[in-house]
Amino acid sequence: MNHSIEKYEEAFKKLEEIIEENPADPIGYVNMANLLTQMREYDKAMHFFDRALVLDNQVATAYYGLGNLFYEQTMYEQAQKYFLKAIQLGLEESDAYFMLGMSFQNQGHHKFALPYFLRATELNSSDEQLLFQYGLSLAQVGNLDMAKSTLQEVLNMSKEHSDARYNLGVIALFEDNLQEALHFFETALEYQSDHVLAANGIKRVQDKLQQNQG
């Protein structure tokens, strides 16, 4: 049997026991629903979230879990509502703000995403992925100076972060700093040899350099 399936089945049995022993505790149902979401058993997960909320409709983690359930199914508008509800009920964790930001980001609502990414980085300043998304969001709303400094912070944490390098290259290209753009695209490709966008970036810079020489 697949090791990960065994792990899920073991966790499932343990949670069943917890629910049987504490049928009035909503947290057992929330944990079961989260496990089922990971297993992509979305209808069953929804059933357990409903049971948790019948017991207590103020459980913030249940709404966060529902947000994840809809996010996993790319239903970002619904996900956004549940992540927001979780935060309103006091779930002051970086992941909740980050996922709310991602829900807006995936709908193309970059300005709405920005404050939630900022709050996520305030709550967890050492997570390079949070910082990267915040930097990306800053670039998408046109705040290039802050985007550059934020993406540079990502590189200070992890110099091999090829997507941060690529996006710094895009900003440099937009600002017509061709040599700087070339540097970032080339180093992105060094750290990730299959980074197609960085390879395309190099070609764009080389084409521009040729036009300038012509």
Protein backbone atom coordinates (compact mmCIF):
# COMPACT_ATOMS: atom_id res chain seq x y z
CA MET A 1 0.00 0.00 0.00
CA ASN A 2 1.14 3.55 -0.75
CA HIS A 3 2.81 5.07 2.32
CA SER A 4 0.88 8.36 2.06
CA ILE A 5 -2.46 6.48 1.81
CA GLU A 6 -1.51 4.53 4.94
CA LYS A 7 -0.72 7.80 6.71
CA TYR A 8 -4.10 9.29 5.74
CA GLU A 9 -5.97 6.16 6.83
CA GLU A 10 -4.18 6.15 10.19
CA ALA A 11 -5.01 9.84 10.75
CA PHE A 12 -8.61 9.22 9.68
CA LYS A 13 -9.02 6.41 12.26
CA LYS A 14 -7.52 8.53 15.03
CA LEU A 15 -9.84 11.42 14.23
CA GLU A 16 -12.85 9.09 14.16
CA GLU A 17 -11.92 7.97 17.69
CA ILE A 18 -11.52 11.59 18.86
CA ILE A 19 -14.95 12.51 17.46
CA GLU A 20 -16.57 9.45 19.10
CA GLU A 21 -15.03 10.37 22.46
CA ASN A 22 -15.86 14.10 22.15
CA PRO A 23 -18.96 14.37 19.90
CA ALA A 24 -19.80 17.87 21.18
CA ASP A 25 -16.33 19.31 20.38
CA PRO A 26 -16.33 21.04 16.97
CA ILE A 27 -12.52 20.88 16.63
CA GLY A 28 -12.55 17.14 15.95
CA TYR A 29 -14.92 17.69 13.03
CA VAL A 30 -12.78 20.59 11.74
CA ASN A 31 -9.65 18.44 11.84
CA MET A 32 -11.44 15.61 10.05
CA ALA A 33 -12.70 18.06 7.40
CA ASN A 34 -9.18 19.42 6.90
CA LEU A 35 -7.85 15.89 6.43
CA LEU A 36 -10.59 15.10 3.90
CA THR A 37 -9.76 18.34 2.04
CA GLN A 38 -6.14 17.17 1.78
CA MET A 39 -7.45 13.87 0.41
CA ARG A 40 -9.58 15.85 -2.10
CA GLU A 41 -12.75 14.35 -0.66
CA TYR A 42 -14.43 17.74 -0.86
CA ASP A 43 -18.08 16.70 -0.38
CA LYS A 44 -17.23 14.65 2.71
CA ALA A 45 -15.08 17.50 4.05
CA MET A 46 -18.01 19.91 3.61
CA HIS A 47 -20.20 17.56 5.66
CA PHE A 48 -17.75 17.68 8.60
CA PHE A 49 -17.34 21.45 8.40
CA ASP A 50 -21.13 21.75 8.54
CA ARG A 51 -21.25 19.51 11.62
CA ALA A 52 -18.59 21.63 13.34
CA LEU A 53 -20.47 24.86 12.63
CA VAL A 54 -23.78 23.42 13.85
CA LEU A 55 -22.04 22.85 17.19
CA ASP A 56 -20.41 26.30 17.18
CA ASN A 57 -20.77 28.79 14.34
CA GLN A 58 -17.99 30.99 15.71
CA VAL A 59 -15.07 28.55 15.18
CA ALA A 60 -12.59 30.58 13.14
CA THR A 61 -10.55 27.54 12.05
CA ALA A 62 -13.67 26.00 10.47
CA TYR A 63 -14.05 29.04 8.19
CA TYR A 64 -10.32 28.97 7.41
CA GLY A 65 -10.66 25.29 6.48
CA LEU A 66 -13.66 26.08 4.25
CA GLY A 67 -11.56 28.76 2.59
CA ASN A 68 -8.91 26.15 1.79
CA LEU A 69 -11.56 23.73 0.53
CA PHE A 70 -12.85 26.25 -2.02
CA TYR A 71 -9.36 27.56 -2.85
CA GLU A 72 -8.22 24.00 -3.71
CA GLN A 73 -11.10 23.84 -6.20
CA THR A 74 -10.09 27.25 -7.69
CA MET A 75 -13.34 28.78 -6.40
CA TYR A 76 -11.53 31.90 -5.26
CA GLU A 77 -14.49 34.19 -4.63
CA GLN A 78 -16.03 31.71 -2.18
CA ALA A 79 -12.61 31.04 -0.62
CA GLN A 80 -12.09 34.76 -0.07
CA LYS A 81 -15.35 35.07 1.90
CA TYR A 82 -14.41 32.24 4.27
CA PHE A 83 -10.83 33.43 4.85
CA LEU A 84 -12.18 36.90 5.63
CA LYS A 85 -14.73 35.43 8.06
CA ALA A 86 -11.96 33.48 9.83
CA ILE A 87 -9.94 36.67 10.28
CA GLN A 88 -13.00 38.59 11.50
CA LEU A 89 -13.49 35.87 14.13
CA GLY A 90 -9.97 36.42 15.42
CA LEU A 91 -7.71 34.08 13.42
CA GLU A 92 -4.73 36.44 13.50
CA GLU A 93 -2.30 34.16 11.66
CA SER A 94 -0.09 34.92 8.68
CA ASP A 95 -1.48 31.96 6.67
CA ALA A 96 -5.04 33.32 6.88
CA TYR A 97 -3.98 36.73 5.55
CA PHE A 98 -1.75 35.13 2.93
CA MET A 99 -4.51 32.86 1.62
CA LEU A 100 -6.96 35.76 1.54
CA GLY A 101 -4.40 37.73 -0.46
CA MET A 102 -3.91 34.78 -2.83
CA SER A 103 -7.68 34.50 -3.32
CA PHE A 104 -7.82 38.14 -4.44
CA GLN A 105 -4.63 37.73 -6.49
CA ASN A 106 -6.06 34.78 -8.40
CA GLN A 107 -9.10 36.87 -9.33
CA GLY A 108 -6.83 39.65 -10.64
CA HIS A 109 -7.73 41.98 -7.74
CA HIS A 110 -4.14 43.02 -7.01
CA LYS A 111 -4.98 46.17 -5.04
CA PHE A 112 -7.26 44.21 -2.73
CA ALA A 113 -4.60 41.51 -2.25
CA LEU A 114 -1.85 43.95 -1.26
CA PRO A 115 -2.87 44.84 2.35
CA TYR A 116 -3.40 41.17 3.21
CA PHE A 117 0.04 40.19 1.90
CA LEU A 118 1.51 43.08 3.88
CA ARG A 119 -0.20 41.88 7.07
CA ALA A 120 0.97 38.31 6.43
CA THR A 121 4.59 39.51 6.19
CA GLU A 122 4.17 41.55 9.37
CA LEU A 123 3.03 38.42 11.22
CA ASN A 124 5.74 36.22 9.70
CA SER A 125 8.68 38.24 8.36
CA SER A 126 10.92 35.19 7.88
CA ASP A 127 8.78 33.42 5.25
CA GLU A 128 10.30 34.10 1.84
CA GLN A 129 7.17 32.93 -0.02
CA LEU A 130 4.99 35.47 1.81
CA LEU A 131 7.55 38.17 1.10
CA PHE A 132 7.79 37.16 -2.57
CA GLN A 133 4.02 37.37 -3.10
CA TYR A 134 3.98 40.76 -1.38
CA GLY A 135 6.76 41.96 -3.70
CA LEU A 136 4.92 40.60 -6.73
CA SER A 137 1.72 42.32 -5.63
CA LEU A 138 3.56 45.63 -5.20
CA ALA A 139 4.89 45.33 -8.75
CA GLN A 140 1.42 44.52 -10.09
CA VAL A 141 -0.02 47.74 -8.63
CA GLY A 142 2.92 49.76 -10.01
CA ASN A 143 4.82 50.41 -6.77
CA LEU A 144 8.13 49.42 -8.36
CA ASP A 145 10.52 50.90 -5.79
CA MET A 146 8.95 48.99 -2.90
CA ALA A 147 8.62 45.90 -5.11
CA LYS A 148 12.34 46.01 -5.86
CA SER A 149 13.37 46.38 -2.23
CA THR A 150 10.97 43.60 -1.16
CA LEU A 151 12.17 41.19 -3.86
CA GLN A 152 15.75 42.04 -2.91
CA GLU A 153 14.89 41.05 0.67
CA VAL A 154 13.72 37.69 -0.71
CA LEU A 155 17.13 37.24 -2.37
CA ASN A 156 18.85 38.16 0.89
CA MET A 157 16.98 35.22 2.46
CA SER A 158 17.43 32.87 -0.47
CA LYS A 159 19.83 33.88 -3.24
CA GLU A 160 18.64 31.00 -5.46
CA HIS A 161 15.02 32.26 -5.57
CA SER A 162 14.81 32.30 -9.38
CA ASP A 163 11.30 33.81 -9.53
CA ALA A 164 12.41 36.80 -7.43
CA ARG A 165 15.37 37.25 -9.80
CA TYR A 166 13.09 36.98 -12.83
CA ASN A 167 10.68 39.61 -11.50
CA LEU A 168 13.54 41.96 -10.62
CA GLY A 169 14.61 41.48 -14.24
CA VAL A 170 11.13 42.39 -15.48
CA ILE A 171 11.16 45.59 -13.40
CA ALA A 172 14.64 46.49 -14.68
CA LEU A 173 13.49 45.86 -18.26
CA PHE A 174 10.42 48.03 -17.71
CA GLU A 175 12.71 50.80 -16.41
CA ASP A 176 15.00 50.29 -19.45
CA ASN A 177 17.95 49.15 -17.29
CA LEU A 178 18.94 46.53 -19.84
CA GLN A 179 22.20 45.31 -18.30
CA GLU A 180 20.56 44.93 -14.89
CA ALA A 181 17.65 43.08 -16.46
CA LEU A 182 20.07 40.78 -18.30
CA HIS A 183 21.91 40.05 -15.03
CA PHE A 184 18.72 39.04 -13.22
CA PHE A 185 17.40 36.92 -16.10
CA GLU A 186 20.72 35.13 -16.53
CA THR A 187 21.13 34.40 -12.82
CA ALA A 188 17.50 33.19 -12.62
CA LEU A 189 18.36 30.75 -15.39
CA GLU A 190 21.55 29.69 -13.61
CA TYR A 191 19.60 28.73 -10.51
CA GLN A 192 16.72 27.18 -12.48
CA SER A 193 17.78 25.93 -15.89
CA ASP A 194 14.19 25.33 -17.08
CA HIS A 195 12.96 28.86 -16.22
CA VAL A 196 11.30 29.54 -19.59
CA LEU A 197 10.24 33.10 -18.71
CA ALA A 198 13.82 34.03 -17.76
CA ALA A 199 15.08 32.58 -21.06
CA ASN A 200 12.46 34.66 -22.92
CA GLY A 201 13.56 37.70 -20.86
CA ILE A 202 17.15 37.26 -22.02
CA LYS A 203 15.98 37.15 -25.65
CA ARG A 204 13.92 40.33 -25.16
CA VAL A 205 16.93 42.16 -23.67
CA GLN A 206 19.22 40.96 -26.47
CA ASP A 207 16.69 42.11 -29.09
CA LYS A 208 16.51 45.54 -27.43
CA LEU A 209 20.30 45.82 -27.26
CA GLN A 210 20.52 45.02 -30.96
CA GLN A 211 17.87 47.63 -31.77
CA ASN A 212 19.77 50.22 -29.74
CA GLN A 213 22.99 49.41 -31.58
CA GLY A 214 21.19 49.60 -34.93
